[in-house]
């Protein structure tokens, strides 16, 4: 696991695929470390499954894999949102019908 060292200018150092990077962000060190570990693991996974010769090409492939996962998750969330809206509309319609029935009685 990456253990960041806080610097005076708000940067911290992380290690990704054997390289040390100084990163700066508004998130806390622990979260930044988790992100760096995630990227490191993705790069190692890509390296284990391909014969890409350079770390920069591995980084691009890892970024594409991460992007693919993100887009899949967004599509799944969008489908869940659509289904939730349909169910909510159905419940509202049912309640409105029941209230209409009460008004008529």
Protein backbone atom coordinates (compact mmCIF):
# COMPACT_ATOMS: atom_id res chain seq x y z
CA UNK A 1 0.00 0.00 0.00
CA UNK A 2 1.16 3.49 -0.79
CA UNK A 3 2.04 5.54 2.23
CA UNK A 4 2.09 9.18 1.26
CA UNK A 5 4.47 11.66 2.77
CA UNK A 6 2.84 15.07 3.13
CA UNK A 7 4.94 17.94 1.87
CA UNK A 8 4.59 21.56 2.82
CA UNK A 9 3.08 22.54 -0.54
CA UNK A 10 0.21 20.05 -0.20
CA UNK A 11 1.76 17.37 -2.39
CA UNK A 12 2.32 13.77 -1.45
CA UNK A 13 4.39 11.05 -3.01
CA UNK A 14 2.93 7.80 -4.27
CA UNK A 15 4.45 4.85 -6.03
CA UNK A 16 2.76 3.49 -9.14
CA UNK A 17 4.30 0.64 -11.10
CA UNK A 18 7.70 1.25 -9.56
CA UNK A 19 7.74 4.98 -10.24
CA UNK A 20 7.39 7.66 -7.59
CA UNK A 21 5.02 10.52 -8.36
CA UNK A 22 4.33 13.74 -6.49
CA UNK A 23 0.60 14.33 -6.59
CA UNK A 24 -1.50 17.16 -5.31
CA UNK A 25 -5.20 17.16 -4.64
CA UNK A 26 -7.90 18.29 -2.29
CA UNK A 27 -8.61 14.76 -1.07
CA UNK A 28 -6.92 13.44 2.05
CA UNK A 29 -3.70 11.44 1.87
CA UNK A 30 -5.36 8.12 2.63
CA UNK A 31 -7.81 8.49 -0.25
CA UNK A 32 -5.06 9.58 -2.65
CA UNK A 33 -3.07 6.55 -1.57
CA UNK A 34 -6.04 4.26 -2.27
CA UNK A 35 -6.37 5.78 -5.75
CA UNK A 36 -2.67 5.30 -6.45
CA UNK A 37 -2.87 1.68 -5.27
CA UNK A 38 -5.84 1.10 -7.56
CA UNK A 39 -3.95 2.46 -10.58
CA UNK A 40 -0.87 0.44 -9.61
CA UNK A 41 -2.93 -2.76 -9.45
CA UNK A 42 -4.57 -2.04 -12.81
CA UNK A 43 -1.17 -1.51 -14.41
CA UNK A 44 0.13 -4.76 -12.91
CA UNK A 45 -2.96 -6.59 -14.17
CA UNK A 46 -2.48 -5.23 -17.69
CA UNK A 47 1.24 -6.09 -17.58
CA UNK A 48 0.45 -9.65 -16.52
CA UNK A 49 -1.97 -10.12 -19.41
CA UNK A 50 -0.13 -8.38 -22.24
CA UNK A 51 3.33 -7.97 -23.64
CA UNK A 52 3.39 -4.19 -23.62
CA UNK A 53 7.01 -3.04 -23.52
CA UNK A 54 6.76 0.38 -21.87
CA UNK A 55 5.19 1.71 -18.69
CA UNK A 56 3.61 4.58 -20.64
CA UNK A 57 1.78 2.13 -22.92
CA UNK A 58 0.74 0.10 -19.87
CA UNK A 59 -0.61 3.30 -18.32
CA UNK A 60 -2.68 4.02 -21.43
CA UNK A 61 -4.10 0.49 -21.48
CA UNK A 62 -4.83 0.68 -17.74
CA UNK A 63 -6.57 4.03 -18.28
CA UNK A 64 -8.68 2.51 -21.04
CA UNK A 65 -9.60 -0.42 -18.79
CA UNK A 66 -10.51 1.92 -15.93
CA UNK A 67 -12.54 4.10 -18.32
CA UNK A 68 -14.36 1.04 -19.63
CA UNK A 69 -15.27 0.00 -16.08
CA UNK A 70 -16.47 3.53 -15.34
CA UNK A 71 -18.65 3.67 -18.46
CA UNK A 72 -20.12 0.25 -17.67
CA UNK A 73 -20.93 1.35 -14.14
CA UNK A 74 -22.51 4.57 -15.41
CA UNK A 75 -24.65 2.62 -17.88
CA UNK A 76 -25.73 0.21 -15.13
CA UNK A 77 -26.55 3.13 -12.83
CA UNK A 78 -28.54 4.80 -15.60
CA UNK A 79 -30.57 1.59 -16.08
CA UNK A 80 -31.20 1.40 -12.33
CA UNK A 81 -32.31 5.03 -12.35
CA UNK A 82 -34.67 4.40 -15.26
CA UNK A 83 -36.14 1.34 -13.52
CA UNK A 84 -36.53 3.29 -10.28
CA UNK A 85 -38.33 6.10 -12.13
CA UNK A 86 -40.67 3.58 -13.78
CA UNK A 87 -41.46 1.93 -10.44
CA UNK A 88 -41.97 5.30 -8.77
CA UNK A 89 -44.28 6.44 -11.58
CA UNK A 90 -46.24 3.19 -11.25
CA UNK A 91 -46.66 3.69 -7.50
CA UNK A 92 -47.72 7.32 -7.98
CA UNK A 93 -50.24 6.31 -10.65
CA UNK A 94 -51.64 3.62 -8.37
CA UNK A 95 -51.96 6.05 -5.47
CA UNK A 96 -53.65 8.62 -7.69
CA UNK A 97 -56.15 6.01 -8.86
CA UNK A 98 -56.90 5.04 -5.28
CA UNK A 99 -57.44 8.68 -4.30
CA UNK A 100 -59.73 9.16 -7.32
CA UNK A 101 -61.73 6.13 -6.19
CA UNK A 102 -62.04 7.65 -2.71
CA UNK A 103 -63.29 10.93 -4.15
CA UNK A 104 -66.01 9.17 -6.11
CA UNK A 105 -67.40 7.30 -3.12
